[in-house]
Amino acid sequence: MTPLHNILGQLNDSSEAILREIDENEPSFDAIKSQLGQREELVKKLGILTEANPKDSLSEEERISLRFLFETFVELNDGIQNNLQNILNSHKEKLGTAVNQRKVEKSYRVLKNPDISYF
């Protein structure tokens, strides 16, 4: 195992921790922020190691292993992005419903004949 393997393994572990945290009922944004900071540091280290270890210096087996680890990282990253997008869409929907509800409640208080066209 090269240091590149170790860094990619740590990146994948960090990504899995983020996914687990996102899937919680009440995710800890501090934990996610911490993991994202750790991932940022690992990506910087990976850049340095990549420059120091050219592709030609790796055996075919090491390249295949690195490719697998990187593909796993990409899949985990896509999962994180998809989960966060789903959460964002859910919150937008809830916010839209709350805004409409607020408008309806306000119109009930102001008008004799309430406007229910918001629904």
C-alpha atoms as a PDB file:
ATOM      1  CA  MET A   1       0.000   0.000   0.000  1.00  0.00           C
ATOM      2  CA  THR A   2       1.285   3.386  -0.970  1.00  0.00           C
ATOM      3  CA  PRO A   3       0.560   6.625   0.881  1.00  0.00           C
ATOM      4  CA  LEU A   4      -1.847   7.405  -1.976  1.00  0.00           C
ATOM      5  CA  HIS A   5      -3.873   4.336  -1.036  1.00  0.00           C
ATOM      6  CA  ASN A   6      -3.962   5.429   2.596  1.00  0.00           C
ATOM      7  CA  ILE A   7      -5.130   8.951   1.750  1.00  0.00           C
ATOM      8  CA  LEU A   8      -7.852   7.710  -0.612  1.00  0.00           C
ATOM      9  CA  GLY A   9      -8.967   5.199   2.022  1.00  0.00           C
ATOM     10  CA  GLN A  10      -9.204   7.991   4.591  1.00  0.00           C
ATOM     11  CA  LEU A  11     -11.140  10.147   2.110  1.00  0.00           C
ATOM     12  CA  ASN A  12     -13.610   7.311   1.590  1.00  0.00           C
ATOM     13  CA  ASP A  13     -13.972   6.792   5.347  1.00  0.00           C
ATOM     14  CA  SER A  14     -14.627  10.492   5.813  1.00  0.00           C
ATOM     15  CA  SER A  15     -17.174  10.495   2.979  1.00  0.00           C
ATOM     16  CA  GLU A  16     -18.975   7.506   4.493  1.00  0.00           C
ATOM     17  CA  ALA A  17     -19.108   9.305   7.850  1.00  0.00           C
ATOM     18  CA  ILE A  18     -20.681  12.325   6.143  1.00  0.00           C
ATOM     19  CA  LEU A  19     -23.273  10.117   4.430  1.00  0.00           C
ATOM     20  CA  ARG A  20     -24.146   8.418   7.723  1.00  0.00           C
ATOM     21  CA  GLU A  21     -24.520  11.789   9.433  1.00  0.00           C
ATOM     22  CA  ILE A  22     -26.727  13.145   6.638  1.00  0.00           C
ATOM     23  CA  ASP A  23     -28.981  10.084   6.942  1.00  0.00           C
ATOM     24  CA  GLU A  24     -29.589  10.735  10.653  1.00  0.00           C
ATOM     25  CA  ASN A  25     -32.975  12.149  11.700  1.00  0.00           C
ATOM     26  CA  GLU A  26     -31.220  15.167  13.213  1.00  0.00           C
ATOM     27  CA  PRO A  27     -27.854  15.485  11.455  1.00  0.00           C
ATOM     28  CA  SER A  28     -25.120  17.355  13.293  1.00  0.00           C
ATOM     29  CA  PHE A  29     -23.943  20.170  11.075  1.00  0.00           C
ATOM     30  CA  ASP A  30     -20.843  20.556  13.241  1.00  0.00           C
ATOM     31  CA  ALA A  31     -19.919  16.920  12.595  1.00  0.00           C
ATOM     32  CA  ILE A  32     -20.484  17.355   8.856  1.00  0.00           C
ATOM     33  CA  LYS A  33     -18.456  20.573   8.843  1.00  0.00           C
ATOM     34  CA  SER A  34     -15.642  18.819  10.702  1.00  0.00           C
ATOM     35  CA  GLN A  35     -15.619  15.908   8.248  1.00  0.00           C
ATOM     36  CA  LEU A  36     -15.633  18.294   5.282  1.00  0.00           C
ATOM     37  CA  GLY A  37     -12.645  20.119   6.779  1.00  0.00           C
ATOM     38  CA  GLN A  38     -10.850  16.813   7.232  1.00  0.00           C
ATOM     39  CA  ARG A  39     -11.635  15.880   3.628  1.00  0.00           C
ATOM     40  CA  GLU A  40     -10.238  19.194   2.424  1.00  0.00           C
ATOM     41  CA  GLU A  41      -6.947  18.525   4.220  1.00  0.00           C
ATOM     42  CA  LEU A  42      -6.798  15.007   2.790  1.00  0.00           C
ATOM     43  CA  VAL A  43      -7.398  16.311  -0.739  1.00  0.00           C
ATOM     44  CA  LYS A  44      -4.508  18.762  -0.292  1.00  0.00           C
ATOM     45  CA  LYS A  45      -2.256  15.915   0.887  1.00  0.00           C
ATOM     46  CA  LEU A  46      -3.420  13.817  -2.049  1.00  0.00           C
ATOM     47  CA  GLY A  47      -2.415  16.587  -4.457  1.00  0.00           C
ATOM     48  CA  ILE A  48       1.056  16.779  -2.937  1.00  0.00           C
ATOM     49  CA  LEU A  49       1.490  12.996  -3.008  1.00  0.00           C
ATOM     50  CA  THR A  50       0.246  12.784  -6.590  1.00  0.00           C
ATOM     51  CA  GLU A  51       2.883  15.266  -7.714  1.00  0.00           C
ATOM     52  CA  ALA A  52       5.583  13.384  -5.799  1.00  0.00           C
ATOM     53  CA  ASN A  53       4.527   9.943  -7.089  1.00  0.00           C
ATOM     54  CA  PRO A  54       4.066   9.984 -10.867  1.00  0.00           C
ATOM     55  CA  LYS A  55       1.723   7.437 -12.368  1.00  0.00           C
ATOM     56  CA  ASP A  56       4.633   5.706 -14.091  1.00  0.00           C
ATOM     57  CA  SER A  57       6.230   4.847 -10.743  1.00  0.00           C
ATOM     58  CA  LEU A  58       3.248   2.700  -9.717  1.00  0.00           C
ATOM     59  CA  SER A  59       2.793  -0.948 -10.572  1.00  0.00           C
ATOM     60  CA  GLU A  60      -0.231  -2.058 -12.590  1.00  0.00           C
ATOM     61  CA  GLU A  61      -1.747  -3.627  -9.468  1.00  0.00           C
ATOM     62  CA  GLU A  62      -1.335  -0.375  -7.523  1.00  0.00           C
ATOM     63  CA  ARG A  63      -2.955   1.613 -10.345  1.00  0.00           C
ATOM     64  CA  ILE A  64      -5.938  -0.740 -10.452  1.00  0.00           C
ATOM     65  CA  SER A  65      -6.312  -0.501  -6.688  1.00  0.00           C
ATOM     66  CA  LEU A  66      -6.080   3.309  -6.798  1.00  0.00           C
ATOM     67  CA  ARG A  67      -8.645   3.442  -9.600  1.00  0.00           C
ATOM     68  CA  PHE A  68     -11.059   1.366  -7.498  1.00  0.00           C
ATOM     69  CA  LEU A  69     -10.542   3.612  -4.453  1.00  0.00           C
ATOM     70  CA  PHE A  70     -11.040   6.738  -6.546  1.00  0.00           C
ATOM     71  CA  GLU A  71     -14.209   5.371  -8.175  1.00  0.00           C
ATOM     72  CA  THR A  72     -15.518   4.585  -4.696  1.00  0.00           C
ATOM     73  CA  PHE A  73     -14.725   8.167  -3.665  1.00  0.00           C
ATOM     74  CA  VAL A  74     -16.621   9.525  -6.683  1.00  0.00           C
ATOM     75  CA  GLU A  75     -19.651   7.326  -5.891  1.00  0.00           C
ATOM     76  CA  LEU A  76     -19.652   8.448  -2.258  1.00  0.00           C
ATOM     77  CA  ASN A  77     -19.321  12.078  -3.304  1.00  0.00           C
ATOM     78  CA  ASP A  78     -22.258  11.700  -5.716  1.00  0.00           C
ATOM     79  CA  GLY A  79     -24.270  10.145  -2.881  1.00  0.00           C
ATOM     80  CA  ILE A  80     -23.472  13.087  -0.607  1.00  0.00           C
ATOM     81  CA  GLN A  81     -24.510  15.584  -3.284  1.00  0.00           C
ATOM     82  CA  ASN A  82     -27.735  13.703  -4.066  1.00  0.00           C
ATOM     83  CA  ASN A  83     -28.709  13.399  -0.400  1.00  0.00           C
ATOM     84  CA  LEU A  84     -28.031  17.078   0.240  1.00  0.00           C
ATOM     85  CA  GLN A  85     -30.040  18.041  -2.861  1.00  0.00           C
ATOM     86  CA  ASN A  86     -32.963  15.913  -1.637  1.00  0.00           C
ATOM     87  CA  ILE A  87     -32.810  17.578   1.772  1.00  0.00           C
ATOM     88  CA  LEU A  88     -32.690  21.014   0.142  1.00  0.00           C
ATOM     89  CA  ASN A  89     -35.710  20.214  -2.048  1.00  0.00           C
ATOM     90  CA  SER A  90     -37.616  18.935   0.974  1.00  0.00           C
ATOM     91  CA  HIS A  91     -36.880  22.103   2.928  1.00  0.00           C
ATOM     92  CA  LYS A  92     -37.895  24.283  -0.028  1.00  0.00           C
ATOM     93  CA  GLU A  93     -41.196  22.417  -0.228  1.00  0.00           C
ATOM     94  CA  LYS A  94     -41.830  22.807   3.503  1.00  0.00           C
ATOM     95  CA  LEU A  95     -40.950  26.491   3.326  1.00  0.00           C
ATOM     96  CA  GLY A  96     -43.307  27.028   0.389  1.00  0.00           C
ATOM     97  CA  THR A  97     -46.120  25.317   2.270  1.00  0.00           C
ATOM     98  CA  ALA A  98     -45.441  27.409   5.363  1.00  0.00           C
ATOM     99  CA  VAL A  99     -45.451  30.640   3.323  1.00  0.00           C
ATOM    100  CA  ASN A 100     -48.787  29.735   1.736  1.00  0.00           C
ATOM    101  CA  GLN A 101     -50.234  28.798   5.121  1.00  0.00           C
ATOM    102  CA  ARG A 102     -49.116  32.126   6.530  1.00  0.00           C
ATOM    103  CA  LYS A 103     -50.750  34.018   3.646  1.00  0.00           C
ATOM    104  CA  VAL A 104     -54.011  32.153   4.178  1.00  0.00           C
ATOM    105  CA  GLU A 105     -53.984  32.820   7.918  1.00  0.00           C
ATOM    106  CA  LYS A 106     -53.306  36.502   7.290  1.00  0.00           C
ATOM    107  CA  SER A 107     -56.151  36.755   4.770  1.00  0.00           C
ATOM    108  CA  TYR A 108     -58.567  35.136   7.254  1.00  0.00           C
ATOM    109  CA  ARG A 109     -57.755  37.827   9.768  1.00  0.00           C
ATOM    110  CA  VAL A 110     -57.953  40.722   7.299  1.00  0.00           C
ATOM    111  CA  LEU A 111     -60.806  39.839   4.952  1.00  0.00           C
ATOM    112  CA  LYS A 112     -64.446  39.017   5.553  1.00  0.00           C
ATOM    113  CA  ASN A 113     -64.338  36.709   2.562  1.00  0.00           C
ATOM    114  CA  PRO A 114     -61.020  34.882   2.805  1.00  0.00           C
ATOM    115  CA  ASP A 115     -58.998  34.268  -0.333  1.00  0.00           C
ATOM    116  CA  ILE A 116     -58.167  30.574  -0.442  1.00  0.00           C
ATOM    117  CA  SER A 117     -56.594  30.650  -3.896  1.00  0.00           C
ATOM    118  CA  TYR A 118     -53.191  29.981  -2.325  1.00  0.00           C
ATOM    119  CA  PHE A 119     -54.059  26.296  -2.089  1.00  0.00           C
END
